[in-house]
Amino acid sequence: MMQRVAILPPNGTKIDCLTMLAGLAMALGQTVRAHDMANQAIELLDRGTLESWSNATPRIIQAHCFLLFGKYNEASKALDHFEEISHHTLDLEARLTGAALRAKIMTITQQSDPEPYISQAMRIWDFAWEHYGRDLSVMAKLEYARATGDDQAILEITSRPEVRNIGTTIHGFLTFRVHCLIDAGELDEAEQLIDELSQRRGTTWFEHWGTLDWLKARLAQAHGRLDVAQQHYKAALKHQTYPLTWALTNRDYGVFLFEQHDFEKAETMLRQAVTTLEDIGATAYLPAARKELDTAIEQNRQSRKDVLTSMTQREREVAELLADGHSNRSIAERLVVSQSTARFHVSNILRKLQLTSRAEVATLFHESQRARASEESATD
């Protein structure tokens, strides 16, 4: 079909075909392809000389793809353009779907109150037929509930028969449900649902809102299977197409590592989460992630200070010389040891402090000295 549509002349029929194929691509989980075809349809529509029944849908698909890709400003602009032309069409369900996308963006970015748009979007359920994005009003409510920490609302919404029985959906709401079941300690039900999603994966459930490995990691963590959890977290982080879910996976992995007292790696994961959330403007999720990062940074700094104070006298001498910028040769000469012995001590210190460069030793050592001096001054 794509090959046949590609050779069509630029007319309304081509726009309609591109729109239907874009919708099909979304149903198959092919978001990049859907985005490309929606863009082609919009480029033809924007010429202003072609007539098509599908004036609204490609713009909705485009905005939906931008949202999934974490491009919230682009998604908002696409919806702005859609709203400008929407009064020319009787495609009311597209307007309600647009409201659902707008509510989701507002929730994530905290630009303004999303509830009026959520209320508008819920009118989708007044239609007896299923159209593109019928489930997006549900997804908007779930995003708002997650951002505000209302797990009970998520469990209630995702248990409704009318939601579970939507035909034109790729079941993103089930991903939200698994997380809440794990948080609620309903691990048997969570495991059953994960098994169901494993069967649906790639056909009627896709990983736009979080990978199967992320869900499996959290379940294994809840069961205390720590090695299994770590394997799944690492596998989940290989998927970076959807930055919001990637950032939230990093955050969960960072918290997991913190609980295992691997403070250095926890800091790295949480810093990645915060940086990504800042980059895409996901303001709703930043306060919690920043708080967790600050805790990890402080604990990591404290653990390194503890290592410093537990060093042998020789190790402290080497660390002081390292902090002052001395080379291995200079350290060997000053301590009257061989260069290989000096190199051994330097490597051992870096390993103990979980550092990768000599400059980091200087920073940590001088921080420790300032902290000690401050404590002594306070005592005096």
Protein backbone atom coordinates (compact mmCIF):
# COMPACT_ATOMS: atom_id res chain seq x y z
CA MET A 1 0.00 0.00 0.00
CA MET A 2 2.81 2.41 0.85
CA GLN A 3 4.44 1.78 -2.52
CA ARG A 4 1.16 2.35 -4.34
CA VAL A 5 0.36 5.52 -2.41
CA ALA A 6 3.86 6.88 -3.04
CA ILE A 7 3.25 7.04 -6.79
CA LEU A 8 -0.17 8.71 -6.54
CA PRO A 9 -0.37 12.29 -7.78
CA PRO A 10 -0.66 14.98 -5.06
CA ASN A 11 -4.43 15.01 -4.59
CA GLY A 12 -7.09 14.47 -1.96
CA THR A 13 -7.04 10.71 -2.47
CA LYS A 14 -3.34 10.60 -1.64
CA ILE A 15 -3.95 12.60 1.55
CA ASP A 16 -6.73 10.22 2.60
CA CYS A 17 -4.56 7.18 1.93
CA LEU A 18 -1.60 8.62 3.82
CA THR A 19 -3.87 9.38 6.76
CA MET A 20 -5.27 5.85 6.88
CA LEU A 21 -1.78 4.36 6.62
CA ALA A 22 -0.53 6.66 9.39
CA GLY A 23 -3.36 5.46 11.62
CA LEU A 24 -2.55 1.86 10.76
CA ALA A 25 1.13 2.42 11.54
CA MET A 26 0.18 3.76 14.98
CA ALA A 27 -2.00 0.69 15.56
CA LEU A 28 1.04 -1.46 14.72
CA GLY A 29 3.30 0.46 17.07
CA GLN A 30 5.31 2.04 14.23
CA THR A 31 5.33 5.58 15.56
CA VAL A 32 8.22 6.89 13.46
CA ARG A 33 6.56 5.68 10.25
CA ALA A 34 3.20 7.07 11.38
CA HIS A 35 4.81 10.44 12.04
CA ASP A 36 6.43 10.52 8.60
CA MET A 37 3.19 9.69 6.76
CA ALA A 38 1.14 12.15 8.81
CA ASN A 39 3.69 14.83 7.94
CA GLN A 40 3.39 14.01 4.24
CA ALA A 41 -0.39 14.35 4.44
CA ILE A 42 -0.11 17.67 6.29
CA GLU A 43 2.36 19.05 3.74
CA LEU A 44 -0.19 18.34 1.00
CA LEU A 45 -3.03 19.82 3.05
CA ASP A 46 -1.06 22.98 3.76
CA ARG A 47 -0.85 23.73 0.05
CA GLY A 48 -4.44 24.89 0.48
CA THR A 49 -5.63 23.75 -2.94
CA LEU A 50 -6.47 20.09 -2.21
CA GLU A 51 -9.68 18.80 -0.67
CA SER A 52 -9.72 15.84 1.69
CA TRP A 53 -12.14 14.38 4.20
CA SER A 54 -9.19 13.69 6.55
CA ASN A 55 -8.18 17.27 7.32
CA ALA A 56 -8.04 16.78 11.09
CA THR A 57 -6.76 13.24 11.69
CA PRO A 58 -3.20 13.60 10.31
CA ARG A 59 -2.67 16.63 12.53
CA ILE A 60 -3.89 14.65 15.55
CA ILE A 61 -1.54 11.78 14.67
CA GLN A 62 1.34 14.22 14.27
CA ALA A 63 0.67 15.76 17.70
CA HIS A 64 0.31 12.31 19.24
CA CYS A 65 3.70 11.25 17.85
CA PHE A 66 5.36 14.45 19.06
CA LEU A 67 3.97 13.77 22.54
CA LEU A 68 5.36 10.24 22.59
CA PHE A 69 8.75 11.50 21.40
CA GLY A 70 8.87 13.97 24.30
CA LYS A 71 8.59 16.97 21.95
CA TYR A 72 5.91 18.76 23.92
CA ASN A 73 6.42 22.22 22.39
CA GLU A 74 6.08 20.77 18.89
CA ALA A 75 3.00 18.82 19.98
CA SER A 76 1.41 21.99 21.38
CA LYS A 77 2.14 23.91 18.17
CA ALA A 78 0.60 21.10 16.10
CA LEU A 79 -2.52 21.26 18.27
CA ASP A 80 -2.60 25.06 17.99
CA HIS A 81 -2.62 24.74 14.22
CA PHE A 82 -5.25 22.02 14.39
CA GLU A 83 -7.53 24.18 16.55
CA GLU A 84 -7.17 27.08 14.11
CA ILE A 85 -8.59 24.99 11.27
CA SER A 86 -10.93 22.74 13.29
CA HIS A 87 -13.92 25.07 12.95
CA HIS A 88 -13.92 24.26 9.22
CA THR A 89 -14.63 20.58 9.87
CA LEU A 90 -17.46 18.60 11.45
CA ASP A 91 -14.89 16.10 12.83
CA LEU A 92 -15.97 16.66 16.44
CA GLU A 93 -14.32 13.51 17.79
CA ALA A 94 -10.96 14.82 16.52
CA ARG A 95 -11.45 17.99 18.56
CA LEU A 96 -12.08 15.89 21.68
CA THR A 97 -9.05 13.75 20.93
CA GLY A 98 -7.03 16.95 20.57
CA ALA A 99 -8.28 18.02 23.99
CA ALA A 100 -7.03 14.72 25.44
CA LEU A 101 -3.57 15.26 23.95
CA ARG A 102 -3.57 18.84 25.23
CA ALA A 103 -4.47 17.65 28.74
CA LYS A 104 -1.64 15.11 28.73
CA ILE A 105 0.88 17.74 27.65
CA MET A 106 -0.33 20.19 30.28
CA THR A 107 -0.09 17.53 32.97
CA ILE A 108 3.48 16.57 32.08
CA THR A 109 4.75 20.12 31.59
CA GLN A 110 2.57 21.78 34.25
CA GLN A 111 1.90 24.69 31.90
CA SER A 112 -1.64 25.14 33.23
CA ASP A 113 -4.54 23.25 34.76
CA PRO A 114 -5.36 20.24 32.51
CA GLU A 115 -8.70 19.38 34.12
CA PRO A 116 -10.92 21.48 31.78
CA TYR A 117 -9.37 19.68 28.83
CA ILE A 118 -9.76 16.30 30.54
CA SER A 119 -13.46 17.01 31.10
CA GLN A 120 -13.84 18.01 27.47
CA ALA A 121 -11.97 14.94 26.27
CA MET A 122 -14.18 12.58 28.27
CA ARG A 123 -17.08 13.52 25.97
CA ILE A 124 -15.46 11.08 23.55
CA TRP A 125 -17.49 8.44 25.36
CA ASP A 126 -20.71 10.04 24.07
CA PHE A 127 -19.86 8.62 20.64
CA ALA A 128 -21.02 5.08 19.92
CA TRP A 129 -18.30 4.41 17.34
CA GLU A 130 -14.60 3.98 17.85
CA HIS A 131 -12.29 6.43 16.11
CA TYR A 132 -8.59 7.23 16.20
CA GLY A 133 -7.42 7.90 19.74
CA ARG A 134 -10.57 6.86 21.59
CA ASP A 135 -8.38 5.74 24.48
CA LEU A 136 -6.45 9.03 24.71
CA SER A 137 -8.95 10.59 27.10
CA VAL A 138 -8.28 7.67 29.44
CA MET A 139 -4.52 8.09 29.00
CA ALA A 140 -4.84 11.79 29.86
CA LYS A 141 -6.65 10.96 33.12
CA LEU A 142 -4.04 8.32 33.95
CA GLU A 143 -1.16 10.73 33.34
CA TYR A 144 -2.78 13.25 35.64
CA ALA A 145 -3.33 10.60 38.32
CA ARG A 146 0.29 9.41 38.07
CA ALA A 147 1.68 12.95 38.21
CA THR A 148 -0.39 13.69 41.33
CA GLY A 149 0.38 10.33 42.97
CA ASP A 150 -3.20 9.04 42.86
CA ASP A 151 -2.60 5.31 42.40
CA GLN A 152 -6.13 4.45 43.50
CA ALA A 153 -7.57 6.47 40.62
CA ILE A 154 -5.36 4.58 38.17
CA LEU A 155 -6.52 1.21 39.50
CA GLU A 156 -10.15 2.32 39.37
CA ILE A 157 -9.98 3.73 35.84
CA THR A 158 -8.12 0.74 34.39
CA SER A 159 -10.59 -1.72 35.88
CA ARG A 160 -13.64 -0.22 34.12
CA PRO A 161 -15.19 -2.63 31.57
CA GLU A 162 -15.65 0.12 28.99
CA VAL A 163 -11.93 0.87 29.17
CA ARG A 164 -10.77 -2.74 29.06
CA ASN A 165 -13.06 -3.41 26.09
CA ILE A 166 -11.88 -0.59 23.80
CA GLY A 167 -11.15 -2.14 20.43
CA THR A 168 -9.03 0.57 18.81
CA THR A 169 -6.33 0.79 21.47
CA ILE A 170 -2.81 -0.42 22.06
CA HIS A 171 -3.48 -0.86 25.77
CA GLY A 172 -1.13 1.74 27.23
CA PHE A 173 -3.42 1.98 30.25
CA LEU A 174 -2.39 -1.54 31.26
CA THR A 175 1.20 -0.37 31.67
CA PHE A 176 0.04 2.20 34.21
CA ARG A 177 -1.99 -0.48 35.98
CA VAL A 178 1.00 -2.82 36.43
CA HIS A 179 3.04 -0.10 38.14
CA CYS A 180 0.22 0.66 40.54
CA LEU A 181 -0.36 -3.02 41.34
CA ILE A 182 3.33 -3.37 42.23
CA ASP A 183 3.22 -0.23 44.38
CA ALA A 184 0.11 -1.59 46.12
CA GLY A 185 1.82 -4.93 46.82
CA GLU A 186 -0.62 -6.83 44.60
CA LEU A 187 2.26 -8.82 43.13
CA ASP A 188 0.32 -11.89 41.98
CA GLU A 189 -2.07 -9.78 39.93
CA ALA A 190 0.83 -7.70 38.63
CA GLU A 191 2.65 -10.85 37.53
CA GLN A 192 -0.45 -12.18 35.76
CA LEU A 193 -0.88 -8.90 33.90
CA ILE A 194 2.81 -8.83 32.93
CA ASP A 195 2.40 -12.35 31.53
CA GLU A 196 -0.61 -11.11 29.53
CA LEU A 197 1.39 -8.16 28.19
CA SER A 198 4.21 -10.52 27.22
CA GLN A 199 1.70 -12.33 24.99
CA ARG A 200 0.25 -9.09 23.61
CA ARG A 201 3.65 -7.45 23.03
CA GLY A 202 4.10 -6.27 19.46
CA THR A 203 0.50 -7.02 18.48
CA THR A 204 -2.08 -5.47 20.81
CA TRP A 205 0.28 -3.90 23.39
CA PHE A 206 3.31 -1.75 22.74
CA GLU A 207 6.04 -0.27 24.90
CA HIS A 208 5.34 3.41 24.24
CA TRP A 209 4.59 4.04 27.93
CA GLY A 210 7.27 1.75 29.36
CA THR A 211 9.07 -1.43 28.42
CA LEU A 212 8.25 -4.95 29.49
CA ASP A 213 11.72 -5.12 31.05
CA TRP A 214 10.93 -2.08 33.21
CA LEU A 215 7.81 -3.80 34.53
CA LYS A 216 9.67 -7.06 35.09
CA ALA A 217 12.49 -5.22 36.87
CA ARG A 218 10.10 -3.59 39.31
CA LEU A 219 8.30 -6.87 39.96
CA ALA A 220 11.57 -8.73 40.57
CA GLN A 221 12.67 -5.92 42.89
CA ALA A 222 9.44 -6.22 44.87
CA HIS A 223 10.01 -9.98 45.18
CA GLY A 224 13.60 -9.41 46.35
CA ARG A 225 15.14 -11.01 43.24
CA LEU A 226 17.78 -8.32 43.00
CA ASP A 227 20.06 -9.83 40.34
CA VAL A 228 17.06 -10.43 38.06
CA ALA A 229 15.82 -6.89 38.67
CA GLN A 230 19.19 -5.41 37.73
CA GLN A 231 19.32 -7.40 34.50
CA HIS A 232 15.88 -6.18 33.49
CA TYR A 233 16.66 -2.55 34.37
CA LYS A 234 19.78 -2.66 32.17
CA ALA A 235 17.77 -4.18 29.31
CA ALA A 236 15.00 -1.58 29.70
CA LEU A 237 17.43 1.33 29.45
CA LYS A 238 18.55 0.24 25.98
CA HIS A 239 15.22 1.56 24.64
CA GLN A 240 15.40 5.35 24.36
CA THR A 241 12.75 6.15 21.73
CA TYR A 242 10.31 7.54 24.29
CA PRO A 243 12.27 9.87 26.61
CA LEU A 244 9.71 10.31 29.40
CA THR A 245 9.46 6.59 30.09
CA TRP A 246 13.23 6.24 29.68
CA ALA A 247 13.78 8.96 32.29
CA LEU A 248 11.32 7.36 34.71
CA THR A 249 13.04 4.00 34.22
CA ASN A 250 16.37 5.65 35.05
CA ARG A 251 14.80 7.12 38.17
CA ASP A 252 13.49 3.75 39.34
CA TYR A 253 16.84 2.09 38.61
CA GLY A 254 18.62 4.84 40.52
CA VAL A 255 16.39 4.29 43.55
CA PHE A 256 17.01 0.54 43.28
CA LEU A 257 20.80 1.07 43.22
CA PHE A 258 20.56 3.46 46.16
CA GLU A 259 18.75 0.82 48.18
CA GLN A 260 21.62 -1.56 47.35
CA HIS A 261 24.09 1.06 48.65
CA ASP A 262 25.64 1.51 45.21
CA PHE A 263 25.54 5.25 45.67
CA GLU A 264 27.85 6.18 42.80
CA LYS A 265 25.80 4.38 40.15
CA ALA A 266 22.60 5.55 41.80
CA GLU A 267 23.78 9.14 41.42
CA THR A 268 24.63 8.52 37.75
CA MET A 269 21.20 7.04 36.94
CA LEU A 270 19.29 9.70 38.84
CA ARG A 271 21.32 12.46 37.20
CA GLN A 272 20.44 11.02 33.79
CA ALA A 273 16.77 10.96 34.79
CA VAL A 274 16.81 14.59 35.96
CA THR A 275 18.73 15.78 32.89
CA THR A 276 16.28 14.09 30.51
CA LEU A 277 13.23 15.37 32.36
CA GLU A 278 14.68 18.89 32.25
CA ASP A 279 15.54 18.61 28.55
CA ILE A 280 12.03 17.59 27.52
CA GLY A 281 10.29 19.87 30.01
CA ALA A 282 8.56 17.13 32.03
CA THR A 283 8.18 19.45 35.02
CA ALA A 284 5.61 17.29 36.81
CA TYR A 285 8.17 14.57 37.49
CA LEU A 286 11.17 16.76 38.31
CA PRO A 287 10.69 17.52 42.04
CA ALA A 288 10.71 13.87 43.11
CA ALA A 289 13.62 13.01 40.81
CA ARG A 290 15.68 15.99 42.00
CA LYS A 291 15.04 15.10 45.63
CA GLU A 292 16.19 11.53 45.02
CA LEU A 293 19.27 12.80 43.17
CA ASP A 294 20.19 15.19 46.00
CA THR A 295 19.90 12.34 48.50
CA ALA A 296 22.12 10.12 46.35
CA ILE A 297 24.72 12.88 45.89
CA GLU A 298 24.91 13.50 49.63
CA GLN A 299 25.11 9.80 50.46
CA ASN A 300 27.75 9.23 47.77
CA ARG A 301 29.83 12.12 49.10
CA GLN A 302 29.49 10.83 52.65
CA SER A 303 30.50 7.28 51.71
CA ARG A 304 33.64 8.57 50.01
CA LYS A 305 34.50 10.64 53.07
CA ASP A 306 34.09 7.51 55.17
CA VAL A 307 36.57 5.73 52.89
CA LEU A 308 39.01 8.63 53.26
CA THR A 309 38.91 8.46 57.05
CA SER A 310 39.41 4.67 57.02
CA MET A 311 42.53 4.79 54.82
CA THR A 312 45.89 3.66 56.10
CA GLN A 313 48.53 6.27 56.86
CA ARG A 314 50.37 5.47 53.62
CA GLU A 315 47.18 5.73 51.56
CA ARG A 316 46.41 9.10 53.09
CA GLU A 317 49.91 10.32 52.23
CA VAL A 318 49.45 9.22 48.63
CA ALA A 319 45.96 10.77 48.49
CA GLU A 320 47.29 14.10 49.79
CA LEU A 321 50.00 14.14 47.13
CA LEU A 322 47.43 13.18 44.48
CA ALA A 323 45.19 16.00 45.65
CA ASP A 324 48.11 18.41 45.27
CA GLY A 325 48.59 17.33 41.66
CA HIS A 326 51.71 15.16 41.95
CA SER A 327 52.47 12.53 39.28
CA ASN A 328 53.22 8.89 40.08
CA ARG A 329 56.91 9.62 39.66
CA SER A 330 56.77 12.59 42.02
CA ILE A 331 54.84 10.56 44.59
CA ALA A 332 57.43 7.77 44.36
CA GLU A 333 60.30 10.22 44.88
CA ARG A 334 58.67 11.95 47.84
CA LEU A 335 57.74 8.70 49.61
CA VAL A 336 60.96 6.95 48.60
CA VAL A 337 59.21 4.03 46.93
CA SER A 338 59.26 2.58 43.43
CA GLN A 339 57.02 4.03 40.71
CA SER A 340 55.19 0.69 40.47
CA THR A 341 54.38 0.90 44.21
CA ALA A 342 53.16 4.48 43.80
CA ARG A 343 51.06 3.42 40.81
CA PHE A 344 49.56 0.56 42.85
CA HIS A 345 48.57 2.93 45.68
CA VAL A 346 47.03 5.42 43.24
CA SER A 347 44.96 2.71 41.52
CA ASN A 348 43.87 1.33 44.87
CA ILE A 349 42.75 4.76 46.07
CA LEU A 350 40.76 5.42 42.90
CA ARG A 351 39.09 2.03 43.24
CA LYS A 352 38.20 2.52 46.90
CA LEU A 353 36.80 5.98 46.26
CA GLN A 354 34.98 4.80 43.10
CA LEU A 355 36.59 7.60 41.10
CA THR A 356 37.85 7.60 37.53
CA SER A 357 40.34 10.49 37.52
CA ARG A 358 43.06 11.95 39.70
CA ALA A 359 41.38 15.36 39.56
CA GLU A 360 38.32 13.92 41.32
CA VAL A 361 40.57 12.88 44.22
CA ALA A 362 41.67 16.48 44.63
CA THR A 363 38.08 17.72 44.67
CA LEU A 364 36.96 15.14 47.21
CA PHE A 365 40.04 15.52 49.40
CA HIS A 366 39.75 19.30 49.58
CA GLU A 367 36.00 19.06 50.27
CA SER A 368 36.79 16.71 53.14
CA GLN A 369 39.39 19.09 54.55
CA ARG A 370 36.96 22.03 54.38
CA ALA A 371 34.22 19.98 56.07
CA ARG A 372 36.61 18.91 58.83
CA ALA A 373 37.76 22.48 59.39
CA SER A 374 34.15 23.65 59.54
CA GLU A 375 33.29 20.97 62.12
CA GLU A 376 36.32 21.88 64.25
CA SER A 377 35.39 25.57 64.06
CA ALA A 378 31.84 24.80 65.15
CA THR A 379 33.13 22.74 68.07
CA ASP A 380 35.44 25.55 69.21
